[in-house]
């Protein structure tokens, strides 16, 4: 049997709790370890079914310097209070809110 990102390990019921967090007090960061090699579209389908695609921050480009990140206040005000990093398989042109976890920027310089 082929697994999928909605087979219980990764499903919309796990994300429902995020929608209950008051938008005025918190921004959540999440790292998804994609050891099964799911395509970004697989995660996108789960995010959309849980309504988290609209809560997710999507950077304006795949290369974002530290100075380009929004403030926590602006993320809360824009109701984009979920920041999701995907450790492998992120494709900005397909699902821009799944940020490539290997391209984290520190002090305006690319990290490894």
PDB file of N, CA and C in Angstrom:
ATOM      1  N   UNK A   1       0.836  -1.175   0.000  1.00  0.00           N
ATOM      2  CA  UNK A   1       0.000   0.000   0.000  1.00  0.00           C
ATOM      3  C   UNK A   1       0.886   1.245   0.000  1.00  0.00           C
ATOM      4  N   UNK A   2       0.606   2.128  -0.878  1.00  0.00           N
ATOM      5  CA  UNK A   2       1.366   3.369  -0.973  1.00  0.00           C
ATOM      6  C   UNK A   2       0.843   4.364   0.058  1.00  0.00           C
ATOM      7  N   UNK A   3       1.758   4.982   0.779  1.00  0.00           N
ATOM      8  CA  UNK A   3       1.322   5.964   1.768  1.00  0.00           C
ATOM      9  C   UNK A   3       1.078   7.301   1.094  1.00  0.00           C
ATOM     10  N   UNK A   4       0.345   8.154   1.768  1.00  0.00           N
ATOM     11  CA  UNK A   4       0.107   9.501   1.267  1.00  0.00           C
ATOM     12  C   UNK A   4       0.124  10.449   2.449  1.00  0.00           C
ATOM     13  N   UNK A   5       0.272  11.748   2.194  1.00  0.00           N
ATOM     14  CA  UNK A   5       0.400  12.684   3.315  1.00  0.00           C
ATOM     15  C   UNK A   5      -0.876  12.884   4.113  1.00  0.00           C
ATOM     16  N   UNK A   6      -1.955  12.196   3.763  1.00  0.00           N
ATOM     17  CA  UNK A   6      -3.190  12.304   4.540  1.00  0.00           C
ATOM     18  C   UNK A   6      -3.560  10.949   5.151  1.00  0.00           C
ATOM     19  N   UNK A   7      -2.548  10.094   5.412  1.00  0.00           N
ATOM     20  CA  UNK A   7      -2.827   8.746   5.908  1.00  0.00           C
ATOM     21  C   UNK A   7      -2.834   8.645   7.428  1.00  0.00           C
ATOM     22  N   UNK A   8      -2.897   9.761   8.106  1.00  0.00           N
ATOM     23  CA  UNK A   8      -2.926   9.731   9.561  1.00  0.00           C
ATOM     24  C   UNK A   8      -1.671  10.319  10.168  1.00  0.00           C
ATOM     25  N   UNK A   9      -0.536  10.186   9.493  1.00  0.00           N
ATOM     26  CA  UNK A   9       0.687  10.796   9.999  1.00  0.00           C
ATOM     27  C   UNK A   9       0.682  12.295   9.712  1.00  0.00           C
ATOM     28  N   UNK A  10       0.092  12.657   8.618  1.00  0.00           N
ATOM     29  CA  UNK A  10       0.059  14.054   8.177  1.00  0.00           C
ATOM     30  C   UNK A  10      -1.331  14.299   7.612  1.00  0.00           C
ATOM     31  N   UNK A  11      -2.199  14.830   8.405  1.00  0.00           N
ATOM     32  CA  UNK A  11      -3.549  15.017   7.904  1.00  0.00           C
ATOM     33  C   UNK A  11      -4.152  16.311   8.408  1.00  0.00           C
ATOM     34  N   UNK A  12      -5.265  16.675   7.820  1.00  0.00           N
ATOM     35  CA  UNK A  12      -5.886  17.948   8.165  1.00  0.00           C
ATOM     36  C   UNK A  12      -6.317  17.998   9.619  1.00  0.00           C
ATOM     37  N   UNK A  13      -6.599  16.857  10.238  1.00  0.00           N
ATOM     38  CA  UNK A  13      -7.005  16.906  11.644  1.00  0.00           C
ATOM     39  C   UNK A  13      -5.869  17.376  12.538  1.00  0.00           C
ATOM     40  N   UNK A  14      -4.618  17.163  12.117  1.00  0.00           N
ATOM     41  CA  UNK A  14      -3.481  17.655  12.882  1.00  0.00           C
ATOM     42  C   UNK A  14      -3.361  19.175  12.790  1.00  0.00           C
ATOM     43  N   UNK A  15      -3.869  19.740  11.735  1.00  0.00           N
ATOM     44  CA  UNK A  15      -3.753  21.170  11.528  1.00  0.00           C
ATOM     45  C   UNK A  15      -4.939  21.957  12.060  1.00  0.00           C
ATOM     46  N   UNK A  16      -6.007  21.295  12.366  1.00  0.00           N
ATOM     47  CA  UNK A  16      -7.190  21.984  12.861  1.00  0.00           C
ATOM     48  C   UNK A  16      -6.869  22.797  14.104  1.00  0.00           C
ATOM     49  N   UNK A  17      -6.010  22.280  14.959  1.00  0.00           N
ATOM     50  CA  UNK A  17      -5.644  22.991  16.185  1.00  0.00           C
ATOM     51  C   UNK A  17      -5.000  24.337  15.879  1.00  0.00           C
ATOM     52  N   UNK A  18      -4.253  24.430  14.795  1.00  0.00           N
ATOM     53  CA  UNK A  18      -3.610  25.690  14.437  1.00  0.00           C
ATOM     54  C   UNK A  18      -4.637  26.776  14.147  1.00  0.00           C
ATOM     55  N   UNK A  19      -5.774  26.404  13.607  1.00  0.00           N
ATOM     56  CA  UNK A  19      -6.806  27.382  13.304  1.00  0.00           C
ATOM     57  C   UNK A  19      -7.471  27.911  14.573  1.00  0.00           C
ATOM     58  N   UNK A  20      -7.304  27.194  15.682  1.00  0.00           N
ATOM     59  CA  UNK A  20      -7.914  27.616  16.940  1.00  0.00           C
ATOM     60  C   UNK A  20      -7.054  28.604  17.716  1.00  0.00           C
ATOM     61  N   UNK A  21      -5.799  28.750  17.333  1.00  0.00           N
ATOM     62  CA  UNK A  21      -4.899  29.665  18.018  1.00  0.00           C
ATOM     63  C   UNK A  21      -5.331  31.098  17.713  1.00  0.00           C
ATOM     64  N   UNK A  22      -5.534  31.906  18.738  1.00  0.00           N
ATOM     65  CA  UNK A  22      -5.961  33.293  18.487  1.00  0.00           C
ATOM     66  C   UNK A  22      -4.957  34.026  17.591  1.00  0.00           C
ATOM     67  N   UNK A  23      -5.469  34.626  16.542  1.00  0.00           N
ATOM     68  CA  UNK A  23      -4.588  35.264  15.569  1.00  0.00           C
ATOM     69  C   UNK A  23      -3.888  36.497  16.114  1.00  0.00           C
ATOM     70  N   UNK A  24      -4.322  37.011  17.239  1.00  0.00           N
ATOM     71  CA  UNK A  24      -3.728  38.238  17.752  1.00  0.00           C
ATOM     72  C   UNK A  24      -2.506  37.991  18.608  1.00  0.00           C
ATOM     73  N   UNK A  25      -2.140  36.740  18.882  1.00  0.00           N
ATOM     74  CA  UNK A  25      -1.053  36.530  19.826  1.00  0.00           C
ATOM     75  C   UNK A  25       0.101  35.666  19.344  1.00  0.00           C
ATOM     76  N   UNK A  26      -0.004  34.961  18.232  1.00  0.00           N
ATOM     77  CA  UNK A  26       1.043  33.987  17.927  1.00  0.00           C
ATOM     78  C   UNK A  26       1.244  33.771  16.429  1.00  0.00           C
ATOM     79  N   UNK A  27       2.495  33.491  16.074  1.00  0.00           N
ATOM     80  CA  UNK A  27       2.856  33.019  14.746  1.00  0.00           C
ATOM     81  C   UNK A  27       3.534  31.669  14.966  1.00  0.00           C
ATOM     82  N   UNK A  28       3.126  30.679  14.188  1.00  0.00           N
ATOM     83  CA  UNK A  28       3.640  29.319  14.355  1.00  0.00           C
ATOM     84  C   UNK A  28       4.605  29.004  13.220  1.00  0.00           C
ATOM     85  N   UNK A  29       5.759  28.437  13.573  1.00  0.00           N
ATOM     86  CA  UNK A  29       6.707  27.926  12.580  1.00  0.00           C
ATOM     87  C   UNK A  29       6.673  26.413  12.646  1.00  0.00           C
ATOM     88  N   UNK A  30       6.694  25.791  11.488  1.00  0.00           N
ATOM     89  CA  UNK A  30       6.639  24.337  11.426  1.00  0.00           C
ATOM     90  C   UNK A  30       7.671  23.839  10.418  1.00  0.00           C
ATOM     91  N   UNK A  31       8.383  22.794  10.793  1.00  0.00           N
ATOM     92  CA  UNK A  31       9.310  22.124   9.883  1.00  0.00           C
ATOM     93  C   UNK A  31       8.739  20.760   9.568  1.00  0.00           C
ATOM     94  N   UNK A  32       8.502  20.502   8.300  1.00  0.00           N
ATOM     95  CA  UNK A  32       8.034  19.186   7.868  1.00  0.00           C
ATOM     96  C   UNK A  32       9.239  18.428   7.338  1.00  0.00           C
ATOM     97  N   UNK A  33       9.514  17.294   7.950  1.00  0.00           N
ATOM     98  CA  UNK A  33      10.590  16.418   7.484  1.00  0.00           C
ATOM     99  C   UNK A  33       9.960  15.479   6.454  1.00  0.00           C
ATOM    100  N   UNK A  34      10.311  15.685   5.219  1.00  0.00           N
ATOM    101  CA  UNK A  34       9.692  14.980   4.102  1.00  0.00           C
ATOM    102  C   UNK A  34      10.492  13.725   3.741  1.00  0.00           C
ATOM    103  N   UNK A  35      10.657  12.828   4.696  1.00  0.00           N
ATOM    104  CA  UNK A  35      11.478  11.643   4.469  1.00  0.00           C
ATOM    105  C   UNK A  35      10.838  10.669   3.482  1.00  0.00           C
ATOM    106  N   UNK A  36       9.529  10.785   3.253  1.00  0.00           N
ATOM    107  CA  UNK A  36       8.863   9.924   2.279  1.00  0.00           C
ATOM    108  C   UNK A  36       8.903  10.499   0.871  1.00  0.00           C
ATOM    109  N   UNK A  37       9.408  11.721   0.728  1.00  0.00           N
ATOM    110  CA  UNK A  37       9.575  12.322  -0.588  1.00  0.00           C
ATOM    111  C   UNK A  37       8.283  12.704  -1.282  1.00  0.00           C
ATOM    112  N   UNK A  38       7.283  13.151  -0.515  1.00  0.00           N
ATOM    113  CA  UNK A  38       6.037  13.583  -1.132  1.00  0.00           C
ATOM    114  C   UNK A  38       6.259  14.844  -1.959  1.00  0.00           C
ATOM    115  N   UNK A  39       5.477  14.979  -2.999  1.00  0.00           N
ATOM    116  CA  UNK A  39       5.524  16.177  -3.837  1.00  0.00           C
ATOM    117  C   UNK A  39       4.871  17.341  -3.090  1.00  0.00           C
ATOM    118  N   UNK A  40       5.295  18.568  -3.371  1.00  0.00           N
ATOM    119  CA  UNK A  40       4.667  19.725  -2.732  1.00  0.00           C
ATOM    120  C   UNK A  40       3.150  19.748  -2.924  1.00  0.00           C
ATOM    121  N   UNK A  41       2.674  19.296  -4.061  1.00  0.00           N
ATOM    122  CA  UNK A  41       1.232  19.292  -4.324  1.00  0.00           C
ATOM    123  C   UNK A  41       0.480  18.371  -3.366  1.00  0.00           C
ATOM    124  N   UNK A  42       1.133  17.316  -2.883  1.00  0.00           N
ATOM    125  CA  UNK A  42       0.507  16.430  -1.900  1.00  0.00           C
ATOM    126  C   UNK A  42       0.259  17.179  -0.591  1.00  0.00           C
ATOM    127  N   UNK A  43       1.269  17.913  -0.136  1.00  0.00           N
ATOM    128  CA  UNK A  43       1.108  18.713   1.078  1.00  0.00           C
ATOM    129  C   UNK A  43       0.093  19.832   0.855  1.00  0.00           C
ATOM    130  N   UNK A  44       0.145  20.434  -0.322  1.00  0.00           N
ATOM    131  CA  UNK A  44      -0.765  21.526  -0.656  1.00  0.00           C
ATOM    132  C   UNK A  44      -2.223  21.077  -0.536  1.00  0.00           C
ATOM    133  N   UNK A  45      -2.515  19.883  -0.984  1.00  0.00           N
ATOM    134  CA  UNK A  45      -3.887  19.363  -0.907  1.00  0.00           C
ATOM    135  C   UNK A  45      -4.343  19.245   0.543  1.00  0.00           C
ATOM    136  N   UNK A  46      -3.448  18.791   1.420  1.00  0.00           N
ATOM    137  CA  UNK A  46      -3.802  18.655   2.835  1.00  0.00           C
ATOM    138  C   UNK A  46      -3.967  20.034   3.474  1.00  0.00           C
ATOM    139  N   UNK A  47      -3.049  20.943   3.164  1.00  0.00           N
ATOM    140  CA  UNK A  47      -3.166  22.303   3.707  1.00  0.00           C
ATOM    141  C   UNK A  47      -4.489  22.931   3.277  1.00  0.00           C
ATOM    142  N   UNK A  48      -4.845  22.788   2.009  1.00  0.00           N
ATOM    143  CA  UNK A  48      -6.086  23.376   1.504  1.00  0.00           C
ATOM    144  C   UNK A  48      -7.301  22.739   2.157  1.00  0.00           C
ATOM    145  N   UNK A  49      -7.284  21.437   2.342  1.00  0.00           N
ATOM    146  CA  UNK A  49      -8.448  20.786   2.952  1.00  0.00           C
ATOM    147  C   UNK A  49      -8.628  21.198   4.409  1.00  0.00           C
ATOM    148  N   UNK A  50      -7.543  21.594   5.059  1.00  0.00           N
ATOM    149  CA  UNK A  50      -7.611  22.056   6.448  1.00  0.00           C
ATOM    150  C   UNK A  50      -7.788  23.572   6.528  1.00  0.00           C
ATOM    151  N   UNK A  51      -7.747  24.262   5.394  1.00  0.00           N
ATOM    152  CA  UNK A  51      -7.882  25.715   5.382  1.00  0.00           C
ATOM    153  C   UNK A  51      -6.633  26.448   5.812  1.00  0.00           C
ATOM    154  N   UNK A  52      -5.494  25.763   5.790  1.00  0.00           N
ATOM    155  CA  UNK A  52      -4.254  26.399   6.239  1.00  0.00           C
ATOM    156  C   UNK A  52      -3.490  27.105   5.133  1.00  0.00           C
ATOM    157  N   UNK A  53      -3.857  26.869   3.897  1.00  0.00           N
ATOM    158  CA  UNK A  53      -3.176  27.569   2.812  1.00  0.00           C
ATOM    159  C   UNK A  53      -3.383  29.073   2.937  1.00  0.00           C
ATOM    160  N   UNK A  54      -4.543  29.487   3.404  1.00  0.00           N
ATOM    161  CA  UNK A  54      -4.819  30.920   3.533  1.00  0.00           C
ATOM    162  C   UNK A  54      -4.171  31.526   4.780  1.00  0.00           C
ATOM    163  N   UNK A  55      -3.797  30.702   5.746  1.00  0.00           N
ATOM    164  CA  UNK A  55      -3.104  31.185   6.944  1.00  0.00           C
ATOM    165  C   UNK A  55      -1.591  31.169   6.785  1.00  0.00           C
ATOM    166  N   UNK A  56      -1.116  30.593   5.692  1.00  0.00           N
ATOM    167  CA  UNK A  56       0.316  30.388   5.514  1.00  0.00           C
ATOM    168  C   UNK A  56       1.008  31.582   4.877  1.00  0.00           C
ATOM    169  N   UNK A  57       2.154  31.922   5.429  1.00  0.00           N
ATOM    170  CA  UNK A  57       2.975  32.985   4.853  1.00  0.00           C
ATOM    171  C   UNK A  57       3.689  32.443   3.619  1.00  0.00           C
ATOM    172  N   UNK A  58       3.605  33.157   2.526  1.00  0.00           N
ATOM    173  CA  UNK A  58       4.324  32.820   1.295  1.00  0.00           C
ATOM    174  C   UNK A  58       5.243  33.980   0.964  1.00  0.00           C
ATOM    175  N   UNK A  59       6.562  33.761   0.980  1.00  0.00           N
ATOM    176  CA  UNK A  59       7.484  34.848   0.661  1.00  0.00           C
ATOM    177  C   UNK A  59       7.315  35.301  -0.788  1.00  0.00           C
ATOM    178  N   UNK A  60       7.729  36.521  -1.089  1.00  0.00           N
ATOM    179  CA  UNK A  60       7.579  37.032  -2.457  1.00  0.00           C
ATOM    180  C   UNK A  60       8.484  36.340  -3.469  1.00  0.00           C
ATOM    181  N   UNK A  61       9.554  35.688  -2.993  1.00  0.00           N
ATOM    182  CA  UNK A  61      10.442  34.946  -3.890  1.00  0.00           C
ATOM    183  C   UNK A  61      11.102  33.828  -3.094  1.00  0.00           C
ATOM    184  N   UNK A  62      11.730  32.897  -3.806  1.00  0.00           N
ATOM    185  CA  UNK A  62      12.381  31.774  -3.127  1.00  0.00           C
ATOM    186  C   UNK A  62      13.684  32.192  -2.450  1.00  0.00           C
ATOM    187  N   UNK A  63      14.244  33.303  -2.867  1.00  0.00           N
ATOM    188  CA  UNK A  63      15.475  33.823  -2.259  1.00  0.00           C
ATOM    189  C   UNK A  63      15.125  35.078  -1.473  1.00  0.00           C
ATOM    190  N   UNK A  64      14.977  34.921  -0.181  1.00  0.00           N
ATOM    191  CA  UNK A  64      14.553  36.032   0.662  1.00  0.00           C
ATOM    192  C   UNK A  64      15.624  36.321   1.705  1.00  0.00           C
ATOM    193  N   UNK A  65      16.255  37.498   1.646  1.00  0.00           N
ATOM    194  CA  UNK A  65      17.258  37.825   2.669  1.00  0.00           C
ATOM    195  C   UNK A  65      16.586  38.062   4.014  1.00  0.00           C
ATOM    196  N   UNK A  66      17.356  38.003   5.057  1.00  0.00           N
ATOM    197  CA  UNK A  66      16.810  38.207   6.415  1.00  0.00           C
ATOM    198  C   UNK A  66      16.064  39.533   6.507  1.00  0.00           C
ATOM    199  N   UNK A  67      16.555  40.542   5.826  1.00  0.00           N
ATOM    200  CA  UNK A  67      15.907  41.857   5.879  1.00  0.00           C
ATOM    201  C   UNK A  67      14.570  41.880   5.142  1.00  0.00           C
ATOM    202  N   UNK A  68      14.287  40.854   4.348  1.00  0.00           N
ATOM    203  CA  UNK A  68      13.046  40.804   3.580  1.00  0.00           C
ATOM    204  C   UNK A  68      11.884  40.156   4.304  1.00  0.00           C
ATOM    205  N   UNK A  69      12.158  39.530   5.448  1.00  0.00           N
ATOM    206  CA  UNK A  69      11.085  38.872   6.183  1.00  0.00           C
ATOM    207  C   UNK A  69      10.159  39.905   6.816  1.00  0.00           C
ATOM    208  N   UNK A  70       8.868  39.613   6.841  1.00  0.00           N
ATOM    209  CA  UNK A  70       7.927  40.540   7.486  1.00  0.00           C
ATOM    210  C   UNK A  70       8.093  40.486   9.001  1.00  0.00           C
ATOM    211  N   UNK A  71       7.599  41.489   9.668  1.00  0.00           N
ATOM    212  CA  UNK A  71       7.609  41.472  11.127  1.00  0.00           C
ATOM    213  C   UNK A  71       6.511  40.530  11.611  1.00  0.00           C
ATOM    214  N   UNK A  72       6.642  40.084  12.849  1.00  0.00           N
ATOM    215  CA  UNK A  72       5.595  39.245  13.428  1.00  0.00           C
ATOM    216  C   UNK A  72       4.264  39.990  13.437  1.00  0.00           C
ATOM    217  N   UNK A  73       4.317  41.279  13.744  1.00  0.00           N
ATOM    218  CA  UNK A  73       3.103  42.079  13.762  1.00  0.00           C
ATOM    219  C   UNK A  73       2.402  42.110  12.418  1.00  0.00           C
ATOM    220  N   UNK A  74       3.173  42.261  11.346  1.00  0.00           N
ATOM    221  CA  UNK A  74       2.536  42.302  10.026  1.00  0.00           C
ATOM    222  C   UNK A  74       1.995  40.929   9.631  1.00  0.00           C
ATOM    223  N   UNK A  75       2.660  39.873  10.064  1.00  0.00           N
ATOM    224  CA  UNK A  75       2.143  38.533   9.774  1.00  0.00           C
ATOM    225  C   UNK A  75       0.819  38.300  10.510  1.00  0.00           C
ATOM    226  N   UNK A  76       0.755  38.750  11.751  1.00  0.00           N
ATOM    227  CA  UNK A  76      -0.482  38.608  12.521  1.00  0.00           C
ATOM    228  C   UNK A  76      -1.584  39.465  11.906  1.00  0.00           C
ATOM    229  N   UNK A  77      -1.254  40.709  11.558  1.00  0.00           N
ATOM    230  CA  UNK A  77      -2.245  41.601  10.957  1.00  0.00           C
ATOM    231  C   UNK A  77      -2.773  41.079   9.624  1.00  0.00           C
ATOM    232  N   UNK A  78      -1.904  40.412   8.865  1.00  0.00           N
ATOM    233  CA  UNK A  78      -2.298  39.861   7.563  1.00  0.00           C
ATOM    234  C   UNK A  78      -2.879  38.450   7.679  1.00  0.00           C
ATOM    235  N   UNK A  79      -2.942  37.938   8.907  1.00  0.00           N
ATOM    236  CA  UNK A  79      -3.430  36.584   9.172  1.00  0.00           C
ATOM    237  C   UNK A  79      -2.661  35.526   8.381  1.00  0.00           C
ATOM    238  N   UNK A  80      -1.362  35.766   8.239  1.00  0.00           N
ATOM    239  CA  UNK A  80      -0.463  34.766   7.650  1.00  0.00           C
ATOM    240  C   UNK A  80       0.479  34.333   8.765  1.00  0.00           C
ATOM    241  N   UNK A  81      -0.080  33.619   9.715  1.00  0.00           N
ATOM    242  CA  UNK A  81       0.625  33.321  10.957  1.00  0.00           C
ATOM    243  C   UNK A  81       1.165  31.911  11.041  1.00  0.00           C
ATOM    244  N   UNK A  82       1.252  31.244   9.890  1.00  0.00           N
ATOM    245  CA  UNK A  82       1.876  29.926   9.825  1.00  0.00           C
ATOM    246  C   UNK A  82       3.031  29.989   8.836  1.00  0.00           C
ATOM    247  N   UNK A  83       4.230  29.685   9.313  1.00  0.00           N
ATOM    248  CA  UNK A  83       5.416  29.647   8.463  1.00  0.00           C
ATOM    249  C   UNK A  83       5.861  28.190   8.410  1.00  0.00           C
ATOM    250  N   UNK A  84       5.855  27.610   7.218  1.00  0.00           N
ATOM    251  CA  UNK A  84       6.152  26.190   7.068  1.00  0.00           C
ATOM    252  C   UNK A  84       7.396  25.989   6.223  1.00  0.00           C
ATOM    253  N   UNK A  85       8.322  25.237   6.790  1.00  0.00           N
ATOM    254  CA  UNK A  85       9.543  24.857   6.087  1.00  0.00           C
ATOM    255  C   UNK A  85       9.442  23.383   5.723  1.00  0.00           C
ATOM    256  N   UNK A  86       9.835  23.056   4.508  1.00  0.00           N
ATOM    257  CA  UNK A  86       9.870  21.676   4.037  1.00  0.00           C
ATOM    258  C   UNK A  86      11.334  21.324   3.844  1.00  0.00           C
ATOM    259  N   UNK A  87      11.798  20.248   4.504  1.00  0.00           N
ATOM    260  CA  UNK A  87      13.234  19.967   4.483  1.00  0.00           C
ATOM    261  C   UNK A  87      13.731  19.499   3.119  1.00  0.00           C
ATOM    262  N   UNK A  88      12.914  18.786   2.362  1.00  0.00           N
ATOM    263  CA  UNK A  88      13.297  18.372   1.008  1.00  0.00           C
ATOM    264  C   UNK A  88      12.063  18.406   0.117  1.00  0.00           C
ATOM    265  N   UNK A  89      12.268  18.776  -1.113  1.00  0.00           N
ATOM    266  CA  UNK A  89      11.196  18.727  -2.092  1.00  0.00           C
ATOM    267  C   UNK A  89      10.398  20.000  -2.279  1.00  0.00           C
ATOM    268  N   UNK A  90      10.754  21.075  -1.587  1.00  0.00           N
ATOM    269  CA  UNK A  90      10.016  22.328  -1.753  1.00  0.00           C
ATOM    270  C   UNK A  90      10.267  22.894  -3.158  1.00  0.00           C
ATOM    271  N   UNK A  91       9.190  23.322  -3.792  1.00  0.00           N
ATOM    272  CA  UNK A  91       9.285  23.942  -5.119  1.00  0.00           C
ATOM    273  C   UNK A  91       8.464  25.231  -5.061  1.00  0.00           C
ATOM    274  N   UNK A  92       9.164  26.358  -4.979  1.00  0.00           N
ATOM    275  CA  UNK A  92       8.516  27.653  -4.795  1.00  0.00           C
ATOM    276  C   UNK A  92       7.460  27.936  -5.857  1.00  0.00           C
ATOM    277  N   UNK A  93       7.738  27.595  -7.107  1.00  0.00           N
ATOM    278  CA  UNK A  93       6.797  27.897  -8.190  1.00  0.00           C
ATOM    279  C   UNK A  93       5.513  27.074  -8.104  1.00  0.00           C
ATOM    280  N   UNK A  94       5.536  25.967  -7.357  1.00  0.00           N
ATOM    281  CA  UNK A  94       4.345  25.128  -7.215  1.00  0.00           C
ATOM    282  C   UNK A  94       3.539  25.472  -5.964  1.00  0.00           C
ATOM    283  N   UNK A  95       4.223  25.554  -4.827  1.00  0.00           N
ATOM    284  CA  UNK A  95       3.561  25.839  -3.548  1.00  0.00           C
ATOM    285  C   UNK A  95       4.458  26.817  -2.786  1.00  0.00           C
ATOM    286  N   UNK A  96       4.262  28.116  -2.986  1.00  0.00           N
ATOM    287  CA  UNK A  96       5.184  29.106  -2.429  1.00  0.00           C
ATOM    288  C   UNK A  96       5.205  29.180  -0.905  1.00  0.00           C
ATOM    289  N   UNK A  97       4.177  28.702  -0.228  1.00  0.00           N
ATOM    290  CA  UNK A  97       4.190  28.772   1.237  1.00  0.00           C
ATOM    291  C   UNK A  97       4.925  27.600   1.881  1.00  0.00           C
ATOM    292  N   UNK A  98       5.368  26.615   1.099  1.00  0.00           N
ATOM    293  CA  UNK A  98       6.247  25.569   1.622  1.00  0.00           C
ATOM    294  C   UNK A  98       7.671  26.018   1.339  1.00  0.00           C
ATOM    295  N   UNK A  99       8.279  26.611   2.337  1.00  0.00           N
ATOM    296  CA  UNK A  99       9.586  27.253   2.183  1.00  0.00           C
ATOM    297  C   UNK A  99      10.684  26.201   2.276  1.00  0.00           C
ATOM    298  N   UNK A 100      11.633  26.283   1.367  1.00  0.00           N
ATOM    299  CA  UNK A 100      12.761  25.346   1.347  1.00  0.00           C
ATOM    300  C   UNK A 100      13.555  25.487   2.640  1.00  0.00           C
ATOM    301  N   UNK A 101      13.491  24.476   3.483  1.00  0.00           N
ATOM    302  CA  UNK A 101      14.164  24.503   4.779  1.00  0.00           C
ATOM    303  C   UNK A 101      15.670  24.521   4.684  1.00  0.00           C
ATOM    304  N   UNK A 102      16.213  24.227   3.527  1.00  0.00           N
ATOM    305  CA  UNK A 102      17.668  24.270   3.345  1.00  0.00           C
ATOM    306  C   UNK A 102      18.157  25.672   3.011  1.00  0.00           C
ATOM    307  N   UNK A 103      17.226  26.577   2.750  1.00  0.00           N
ATOM    308  CA  UNK A 103      17.604  27.946   2.385  1.00  0.00           C
ATOM    309  C   UNK A 103      17.110  28.925   3.427  1.00  0.00           C
ATOM    310  N   UNK A 104      17.602  28.764   4.622  1.00  0.00           N
ATOM    311  CA  UNK A 104      17.244  29.671   5.708  1.00  0.00           C
ATOM    312  C   UNK A 104      18.291  30.767   5.747  1.00  0.00           C
ATOM    313  N   UNK A 105      17.860  31.985   5.905  1.00  0.00           N
ATOM    314  CA  UNK A 105      18.759  33.116   5.846  1.00  0.00           C
ATOM    315  C   UNK A 105      19.051  33.640   7.241  1.00  0.00           C
ATOM    316  N   UNK A 106      20.341  33.862   7.486  1.00  0.00           N
ATOM    317  CA  UNK A 106      20.782  34.344   8.806  1.00  0.00           C
ATOM    318  C   UNK A 106      21.597  35.614   8.602  1.00  0.00           C
ATOM    319  N   UNK A 107      21.235  36.662   9.292  1.00  0.00           N
ATOM    320  CA  UNK A 107      21.955  37.932   9.240  1.00  0.00           C
ATOM    321  C   UNK A 107      22.194  38.425   7.810  1.00  0.00           C
ATOM    322  N   UNK A 108      21.216  38.226   6.939  1.00  0.00           N
ATOM    323  CA  UNK A 108      21.325  38.744   5.585  1.00  0.00           C
ATOM    324  C   UNK A 108      22.197  37.907   4.660  1.00  0.00           C
ATOM    325  N   UNK A 109      22.717  36.778   5.149  1.00  0.00           N
ATOM    326  CA  UNK A 109      23.547  35.912   4.315  1.00  0.00           C
ATOM    327  C   UNK A 109      22.906  34.537   4.233  1.00  0.00           C
ATOM    328  N   UNK A 110      23.113  33.860   3.127  1.00  0.00           N
ATOM    329  CA  UNK A 110      22.586  32.500   3.011  1.00  0.00           C
ATOM    330  C   UNK A 110      23.271  31.593   4.002  1.00  0.00           C
ATOM    331  N   UNK A 111      22.463  30.775   4.660  1.00  0.00           N
ATOM    332  CA  UNK A 111      23.017  29.696   5.473  1.00  0.00           C
ATOM    333  C   UNK A 111      23.282  28.532   4.525  1.00  0.00           C
ATOM    334  N   UNK A 112      23.961  27.544   4.992  1.00  0.00           N
ATOM    335  CA  UNK A 112      24.269  26.396   4.125  1.00  0.00           C
ATOM    336  C   UNK A 112      23.057  25.600   3.777  1.00  0.00           C
TER     337      UNK A 112
END
